Each structure stands twice: as structure tokens, then as C-alpha cells.
């Protein structure tokens, strides 16, 4: 069975990469402007100015948020942790909103920096609360994060209501890639650098997921690993929120789906998480473009429906003991008898 897992991890990754590439190519030719991307006045050129930047942004955003969810789950040691259940997205949104209030003319890079700082503070507060919790029930961790995010989101909503910025706040809270055009998406390439940094630190994140004491016994600095991971998560989250808005569920369902098949080794699962996250985001965006043609449904709404359905399927699947999870059906039937003997 270990041989099958190795084969699946290698050959299956090639298949997933091919599917992601196919979805990206399909995204280039789907839209209200037709296959060539003609503008309303008939001028051809919409393809390079809109379709290509949009598809690149979709791939980068899906990769960034999926890897951020995987890192959060390893650092928090909880399968329900991700930027949307740890207060990270809400904190980044509040940071960007504050910049809109006090410095509305600040460029995108400045808004991203403010969102990164706010996301770091919010996520660090979440991790601090976890360390001080006397009981680490798996279900309590996301509940704490959701409550923290609710408080931060309430502050953002109050400020937006008082200062007539509710429309801007809605744009930050719901992902929409329709505005991704040439000249507006270039900073999204930072997600590629952050993803590469996550790959380089993959083994350290795996060790950190085993706990503070275990990491220290191996001679590694647990605090530095956590700080580095949180920095990647905060920057990815701020980058995506500033450009397109929050993408729900992607950081929750993708790492769980991959872990169910391949385990918790970040070095082995990171390519799967990155490709599957990109694939789901691109496919969801294509669905949003064709389901109400020629109008578009924002990606955030599509991902909410698709992500919720997949997450419920994960929660309601028949529970299989970890020791028998990778056994053949015949071996799984014999396992209880062997335990009794």
C-alpha cells in the first residue's frame, strides 16, 4: 500500500497539474466578450489586457490561500484552522479599511502592507489565545477564531457604516476577479515568491506541527518557525484581500482533502495543495461566468456554495480509524479479528 501511495503521489500530481493547466486555458476563452475577448466596440485586445491577467491572478490566489490554510493548520495543530477561522482575513480587511479612511490615495502596496500588519496582529492574538486555553478541544479552536473574527469584523462594519464605506467593505469581503486587468494584477506575483518560501520551509512546518517540545528537542527554534509561517499567511491574505477580496473555504477544504489521501508531510503535500487550490478557484470562477451568462457571479459566492458542500462531505464521511485508513478492504475486515486475537 505504501508503494501505491508513492505512485499516486507522483502520477496523480501530474494528472492534477494537467487538469489545472486545462482549466487555466479554458478560463482564457470564456467570458462575455467571446472566445477572442472582443471589447464592446468590436476591438480585439481584451484577451491580453483582461483574460490573461485574470487567469494568472486566479491561479496565484488559489495557490496562496490553499498554502496559507495548510500552514495555519500545521501551526495551530488543528484541521479547522485557516485564515477565515483564525481572524486573519477579518484583521486584514480592517487594516485595509483603516487605510481607506485615513489615506484613501495610498497605492496598492501601501494597502497591502497595512493589511499584512493587521493580519499579523490578529493572527498572533489568535495563537496567543490558543496557548492560554486550558482545554484544546478540536472544535473549540475554530470557534475561538470565528468569535475573534466576528469582533474584528463588527468593528470594521461599524467604521464602514459611519463613514459610508459599506460598498468598499463588501468588495473586500467577497472575492471578485472581474477587475483583474493589465496594470492591476502585477503585485499578485508576490504570491509566487511567498509560495516558494513556504516550499523551502516545508519540513520545518511539519516538525512545528508536532509541538513546541518536539521541535525544540530537534534543535529548531519553534518561535521563529511560527513567526515565519504567520508572516507568509498574513502577506498572502493581505495580498488577496487587497486585490480581489476574501476567498472563503479554500484554505480549509483543500489541505484536508490532500491530508486525507497523503497524510501530513508538508514537503509531500504542498505541491498537491497548491495545484488543487488553484484548480478549484479557476473552476469556480468559470462556473460564475457561465451560470448566469452574460453576467457574472462573484467568485466568493460560488466558493461559498462549493466549499460548504465539500466541507460538509468531509465532516459527514464515515470515520475510519487512522490505523486502518490505508488498508485494503479485505485487510480492514480482518483487522478487528486480529485485534481480538
Protein backbone atom coordinates (compact mmCIF):
# COMPACT_ATOMS: atom_id res chain seq x y z
CA UNK A 1 0.00 0.00 0.00
CA UNK A 2 2.94 2.31 0.63
CA UNK A 3 4.02 1.67 -2.97
CA UNK A 4 0.56 2.67 -4.19
CA UNK A 5 0.71 5.88 -2.14
CA UNK A 6 4.09 6.75 -3.65
CA UNK A 7 2.81 6.03 -7.15
CA UNK A 8 -0.35 8.05 -6.53
CA UNK A 9 1.64 10.96 -5.08
CA UNK A 10 3.78 11.14 -8.23
CA UNK A 11 1.47 10.21 -11.08
CA UNK A 12 -1.59 11.80 -9.54
CA UNK A 13 0.29 15.09 -9.22
CA UNK A 14 0.95 15.07 -12.96
CA UNK A 15 -2.75 14.49 -13.64
CA UNK A 16 -3.74 17.31 -11.28
CA UNK A 17 -1.22 19.64 -12.94
CA UNK A 18 -2.69 18.78 -16.35
CA UNK A 19 -6.23 19.45 -15.08
CA UNK A 20 -5.16 22.78 -13.61
CA UNK A 21 -3.47 23.75 -16.88
CA UNK A 22 -6.59 22.74 -18.84
CA UNK A 23 -8.81 24.80 -16.52
CA UNK A 24 -6.48 27.78 -16.95
CA UNK A 25 -6.58 27.51 -20.73
CA UNK A 26 -10.38 27.22 -20.66
CA UNK A 27 -10.55 30.33 -18.48
CA UNK A 28 -8.75 32.29 -21.20
CA UNK A 29 -11.56 31.67 -23.70
CA UNK A 30 -14.67 32.03 -21.52
CA UNK A 31 -16.32 35.38 -20.96
CA UNK A 32 -18.93 37.83 -22.17
CA UNK A 33 -16.56 39.11 -24.88
CA UNK A 34 -16.46 35.76 -26.66
CA UNK A 35 -13.54 33.42 -27.20
CA UNK A 36 -11.20 36.13 -28.52
CA UNK A 37 -12.15 38.62 -25.83
CA UNK A 38 -13.53 41.39 -28.04
CA UNK A 39 -14.40 44.69 -26.41
CA UNK A 40 -17.96 46.11 -26.76
CA UNK A 41 -16.91 48.30 -29.72
CA UNK A 42 -15.52 45.27 -31.54
CA UNK A 43 -11.84 45.97 -30.94
CA UNK A 44 -9.84 42.82 -30.31
CA UNK A 45 -7.32 43.12 -27.49
CA UNK A 46 -9.42 42.28 -24.47
CA UNK A 47 -7.74 38.86 -24.37
CA UNK A 48 -4.31 40.13 -23.32
CA UNK A 49 -5.50 43.04 -21.19
CA UNK A 50 -8.09 41.12 -19.17
CA UNK A 51 -8.32 37.37 -19.76
CA UNK A 52 -4.64 36.55 -19.25
CA UNK A 53 -4.20 38.75 -16.13
CA UNK A 54 -7.41 37.38 -14.65
CA UNK A 55 -6.39 33.75 -15.16
CA UNK A 56 -2.93 34.36 -13.71
CA UNK A 57 -4.48 36.10 -10.70
CA UNK A 58 -6.88 33.17 -10.20
CA UNK A 59 -4.04 30.63 -10.20
CA UNK A 60 -1.88 32.69 -7.85
CA UNK A 61 -4.71 33.49 -5.43
CA UNK A 62 -5.84 29.86 -5.22
CA UNK A 63 -2.29 28.69 -4.59
CA UNK A 64 -1.64 31.37 -1.96
CA UNK A 65 -4.80 30.80 0.08
CA UNK A 66 -4.58 27.00 -0.05
CA UNK A 67 -0.97 27.00 1.17
CA UNK A 68 -1.86 29.57 3.84
CA UNK A 69 -4.58 27.26 5.13
CA UNK A 70 -2.16 24.34 5.25
CA UNK A 71 0.40 26.38 7.19
CA UNK A 72 -2.25 27.59 9.66
CA UNK A 73 -3.43 24.04 10.27
CA UNK A 74 0.10 22.85 10.98
CA UNK A 75 0.96 25.73 13.31
CA UNK A 76 -2.35 25.63 15.19
CA UNK A 77 -2.35 21.80 15.09
CA UNK A 78 -5.99 21.82 14.16
CA UNK A 79 -7.70 20.72 10.96
CA UNK A 80 -10.31 23.51 11.18
CA UNK A 81 -7.81 26.37 11.31
CA UNK A 82 -7.38 28.62 8.29
CA UNK A 83 -7.27 32.40 7.65
CA UNK A 84 -11.08 32.74 7.74
CA UNK A 85 -11.42 30.80 11.02
CA UNK A 86 -8.46 32.44 12.74
CA UNK A 87 -9.42 36.10 12.36
CA UNK A 88 -6.70 36.64 9.74
CA UNK A 89 -9.00 37.71 6.89
CA UNK A 90 -11.07 39.96 9.15
CA UNK A 91 -7.93 41.59 10.52
CA UNK A 92 -6.52 42.21 7.05
CA UNK A 93 -9.84 43.68 5.96
CA UNK A 94 -9.88 46.05 8.93
CA UNK A 95 -6.31 47.13 8.21
CA UNK A 96 -7.10 47.94 4.58
CA UNK A 97 -10.29 49.75 5.61
CA UNK A 98 -8.36 51.95 8.07
CA UNK A 99 -6.01 52.93 5.24
CA UNK A 100 -9.03 53.82 3.07
CA UNK A 101 -10.27 56.10 5.86
CA UNK A 102 -7.06 57.93 6.73
CA UNK A 103 -5.09 57.66 3.47
CA UNK A 104 -7.52 56.96 0.61
CA UNK A 105 -4.92 57.79 -2.02
CA UNK A 106 -2.36 55.27 -0.80
CA UNK A 107 -1.16 52.86 -3.53
CA UNK A 108 -1.94 49.16 -3.50
CA UNK A 109 1.44 48.28 -2.00
CA UNK A 110 0.74 50.51 1.00
CA UNK A 111 -2.70 48.98 1.49
CA UNK A 112 -1.15 45.53 1.32
CA UNK A 113 1.45 46.49 3.94
CA UNK A 114 -1.26 47.78 6.28
CA UNK A 115 -3.32 44.64 5.71
CA UNK A 116 -0.28 42.46 6.40
CA UNK A 117 0.46 44.20 9.70
CA UNK A 118 -3.18 43.97 10.78
CA UNK A 119 -3.37 40.30 9.76
CA UNK A 120 -0.19 39.54 11.69
CA UNK A 121 -1.56 41.20 14.82
CA UNK A 122 -4.92 39.43 14.55
CA UNK A 123 -3.39 36.01 13.87
CA UNK A 124 -0.81 36.42 16.64
CA UNK A 125 -3.65 37.28 19.04
CA UNK A 126 -5.45 34.11 17.94
CA UNK A 127 -2.35 31.98 18.55
CA UNK A 128 -1.83 33.63 21.94
CA UNK A 129 -5.39 32.80 22.96
CA UNK A 130 -4.84 29.18 21.89
CA UNK A 131 -1.72 28.87 24.03
CA UNK A 132 -3.62 30.13 27.08
CA UNK A 133 -6.64 27.90 26.56
CA UNK A 134 -6.77 25.24 29.32
CA UNK A 135 -8.59 22.84 27.02
CA UNK A 136 -7.61 22.26 23.38
CA UNK A 137 -10.80 20.66 22.08
CA UNK A 138 -10.51 20.47 18.26
CA UNK A 139 -13.88 22.16 17.83
CA UNK A 140 -13.06 24.96 20.27
CA UNK A 141 -10.13 26.24 18.18
CA UNK A 142 -12.17 27.35 15.15
CA UNK A 143 -14.95 28.64 17.39
CA UNK A 144 -12.47 30.92 19.17
CA UNK A 145 -11.14 32.11 15.82
CA UNK A 146 -14.63 32.73 14.44
CA UNK A 147 -15.59 34.72 17.55
CA UNK A 148 -12.38 36.76 17.30
CA UNK A 149 -13.02 37.38 13.63
CA UNK A 150 -16.61 38.35 14.43
CA UNK A 151 -15.47 41.01 16.87
CA UNK A 152 -12.93 42.41 14.41
CA UNK A 153 -15.48 42.27 11.60
CA UNK A 154 -18.01 44.11 13.74
CA UNK A 155 -15.52 46.95 14.26
CA UNK A 156 -14.90 47.11 10.51
CA UNK A 157 -18.64 47.13 9.77
CA UNK A 158 -19.25 49.92 12.28
CA UNK A 159 -16.50 52.08 10.81
CA UNK A 160 -17.72 51.43 7.26
CA UNK A 161 -21.31 52.28 8.21
CA UNK A 162 -20.38 55.51 9.98
CA UNK A 163 -18.10 56.67 7.15
CA UNK A 164 -20.21 55.48 4.20
CA UNK A 165 -17.74 52.80 3.11
CA UNK A 166 -20.03 49.77 3.18
CA UNK A 167 -19.64 49.17 -0.55
CA UNK A 168 -15.85 49.19 -0.24
CA UNK A 169 -16.07 46.81 2.73
CA UNK A 170 -18.28 44.43 0.75
CA UNK A 171 -15.68 44.42 -2.02
CA UNK A 172 -13.01 43.39 0.48
CA UNK A 173 -15.18 40.65 1.98
CA UNK A 174 -16.33 38.99 -1.27
CA UNK A 175 -13.83 37.84 -3.89
CA UNK A 176 -14.42 39.12 -7.41
CA UNK A 177 -11.83 38.84 -10.19
CA UNK A 178 -13.69 40.88 -12.82
CA UNK A 179 -11.45 43.91 -12.17
CA UNK A 180 -8.20 41.99 -12.67
CA UNK A 181 -6.70 43.66 -15.72
CA UNK A 182 -3.29 44.59 -17.02
CA UNK A 183 -1.77 47.15 -14.67
CA UNK A 184 -3.81 45.99 -11.65
CA UNK A 185 -2.70 42.43 -11.02
CA UNK A 186 1.10 42.60 -11.14
CA UNK A 187 1.60 42.58 -7.36
CA UNK A 188 -0.14 39.20 -7.27
CA UNK A 189 3.17 37.72 -8.47
CA UNK A 190 4.34 38.17 -4.87
CA UNK A 191 2.18 35.14 -4.08
CA UNK A 192 4.55 33.05 -6.18
CA UNK A 193 7.54 34.17 -4.09
CA UNK A 194 5.64 33.52 -0.86
CA UNK A 195 4.64 30.07 -2.10
CA UNK A 196 8.27 29.30 -2.90
CA UNK A 197 9.22 30.36 0.64
CA UNK A 198 6.55 28.01 2.01
CA UNK A 199 8.00 25.13 -0.04
CA UNK A 200 11.52 25.83 1.26
CA UNK A 201 10.29 25.77 4.88
CA UNK A 202 8.01 22.75 4.38
CA UNK A 203 9.99 20.38 6.61
CA UNK A 204 10.13 22.93 9.42
CA UNK A 205 6.36 23.39 9.29
CA UNK A 206 5.93 19.62 9.51
CA UNK A 207 8.12 19.50 12.62
CA UNK A 208 6.36 22.52 14.17
CA UNK A 209 3.06 20.69 13.73
CA UNK A 210 4.32 18.09 16.20
CA UNK A 211 4.54 20.62 19.02
CA UNK A 212 6.85 23.05 20.80
CA UNK A 213 8.78 20.47 22.85
CA UNK A 214 9.39 18.12 19.93
CA UNK A 215 10.61 20.98 17.73
CA UNK A 216 12.98 22.24 20.44
CA UNK A 217 14.35 18.74 21.03
CA UNK A 218 15.33 18.58 17.37
CA UNK A 219 17.35 21.79 17.76
CA UNK A 220 14.93 24.05 15.89
CA UNK A 221 13.58 27.40 17.08
CA UNK A 222 9.82 26.89 17.38
CA UNK A 223 9.11 30.61 17.77
CA UNK A 224 10.95 31.51 14.57
CA UNK A 225 9.13 28.85 12.59
CA UNK A 226 5.75 30.06 13.84
CA UNK A 227 6.65 33.70 13.15
CA UNK A 228 7.82 32.86 9.63
CA UNK A 229 4.69 30.84 8.92
CA UNK A 230 2.40 33.57 10.23
CA UNK A 231 4.23 36.14 8.10
CA UNK A 232 3.58 34.08 4.96
CA UNK A 233 -0.08 33.62 5.90
CA UNK A 234 -0.55 37.32 6.69
CA UNK A 235 1.11 38.52 3.49
CA UNK A 236 -0.81 36.07 1.31
CA UNK A 237 -4.09 37.01 2.95
CA UNK A 238 -3.49 40.75 2.65
CA UNK A 239 -2.36 40.35 -0.96
CA UNK A 240 -5.54 38.52 -1.95
CA UNK A 241 -7.90 40.72 0.09
CA UNK A 242 -6.49 43.96 -1.36
CA UNK A 243 -6.68 42.78 -4.97
CA UNK A 244 -9.83 40.66 -5.19
CA UNK A 245 -11.40 40.25 -1.74
CA UNK A 246 -11.67 37.32 0.65
CA UNK A 247 -11.92 33.79 -0.78
CA UNK A 248 -13.81 31.52 1.66
CA UNK A 249 -13.22 27.83 2.40
CA UNK A 250 -10.27 27.30 0.04
CA UNK A 251 -7.73 27.19 2.88
CA UNK A 252 -9.97 24.84 4.85
CA UNK A 253 -11.09 22.17 2.40
CA UNK A 254 -8.01 21.80 0.17
CA UNK A 255 -5.46 20.88 2.91
CA UNK A 256 -7.99 18.49 4.45
CA UNK A 257 -8.69 16.74 1.16
CA UNK A 258 -4.98 16.32 0.48
CA UNK A 259 -4.20 15.19 4.05
CA UNK A 260 -6.93 12.53 3.84
CA UNK A 261 -5.12 10.99 0.86
CA UNK A 262 -1.45 11.68 1.54
CA UNK A 263 -1.01 12.44 5.25
CA UNK A 264 0.57 15.42 6.99
CA UNK A 265 4.06 15.62 5.48
CA UNK A 266 4.14 19.21 4.19
CA UNK A 267 7.02 18.50 1.83
CA UNK A 268 4.96 15.87 0.03
CA UNK A 269 1.54 17.53 0.24
CA UNK A 270 2.47 21.16 -0.54
CA UNK A 271 2.51 20.69 -4.37
CA UNK A 272 -0.86 18.97 -4.17
CA UNK A 273 -2.33 21.72 -2.01
CA UNK A 274 -1.03 24.44 -4.33
CA UNK A 275 -2.34 22.81 -7.52
CA UNK A 276 -5.69 21.75 -6.06
CA UNK A 277 -6.27 25.23 -4.62
CA UNK A 278 -5.52 26.84 -7.99
CA UNK A 279 -7.73 24.31 -9.80
CA UNK A 280 -10.74 24.85 -7.52
CA UNK A 281 -10.51 28.64 -7.74
CA UNK A 282 -10.26 28.64 -11.55
CA UNK A 283 -13.13 26.17 -11.96
CA UNK A 284 -15.31 28.12 -9.52
CA UNK A 285 -14.62 31.35 -11.40
CA UNK A 286 -15.55 29.67 -14.70
CA UNK A 287 -18.82 28.50 -13.14
CA UNK A 288 -19.53 32.06 -12.01
CA UNK A 289 -19.01 33.28 -15.57
CA UNK A 290 -21.27 30.77 -17.34
CA UNK A 291 -24.10 30.06 -14.89
CA UNK A 292 -25.77 33.45 -15.48
CA UNK A 293 -24.38 34.34 -18.90
CA UNK A 294 -23.53 37.06 -19.94
CA UNK A 295 -23.42 38.33 -16.33
CA UNK A 296 -21.01 37.14 -13.67
CA UNK A 297 -21.50 35.80 -10.18
CA UNK A 298 -18.60 36.78 -7.85
CA UNK A 299 -16.15 34.01 -7.09
CA UNK A 300 -16.73 34.49 -3.35
CA UNK A 301 -20.36 33.40 -3.68
CA UNK A 302 -19.52 30.37 -5.84
CA UNK A 303 -16.76 29.26 -3.46
CA UNK A 304 -19.13 29.65 -0.51
CA UNK A 305 -21.54 27.14 -2.06
CA UNK A 306 -18.91 24.75 -3.44
CA UNK A 307 -16.71 24.98 -0.36
CA UNK A 308 -19.59 24.43 2.06
CA UNK A 309 -20.73 21.35 0.13
CA UNK A 310 -17.23 19.83 0.10
CA UNK A 311 -16.67 20.66 3.77
CA UNK A 312 -19.96 19.01 4.77
CA UNK A 313 -19.00 15.94 2.76
CA UNK A 314 -15.69 15.79 4.66
CA UNK A 315 -17.45 16.12 8.02
CA UNK A 316 -20.13 13.52 7.24
CA UNK A 317 -17.84 10.91 5.69
CA UNK A 318 -17.70 7.56 7.52
CA UNK A 319 -14.98 7.70 10.15
CA UNK A 320 -12.10 5.29 9.53
CA UNK A 321 -9.58 4.57 12.31
CA UNK A 322 -6.16 6.01 11.48
CA UNK A 323 -4.52 2.61 11.84
CA UNK A 324 -6.80 1.13 9.15
CA UNK A 325 -7.17 4.17 6.91
CA UNK A 326 -4.79 2.90 4.21
CA UNK A 327 -5.61 -0.82 4.40
CA UNK A 328 -7.25 -2.74 1.58
CA UNK A 329 -10.94 -3.68 2.15
CA UNK A 330 -10.00 -7.28 2.87
CA UNK A 331 -7.33 -6.28 5.38
CA UNK A 332 -9.68 -3.80 7.01
CA UNK A 333 -12.22 -6.60 7.60
CA UNK A 334 -9.57 -8.80 9.18
CA UNK A 335 -8.19 -6.02 11.44
CA UNK A 336 -10.86 -6.29 14.21
CA UNK A 337 -10.41 -10.07 14.36
CA UNK A 338 -6.66 -9.71 14.66
CA UNK A 339 -7.07 -7.16 17.46
CA UNK A 340 -9.29 -9.62 19.41
CA UNK A 341 -6.74 -12.40 18.96
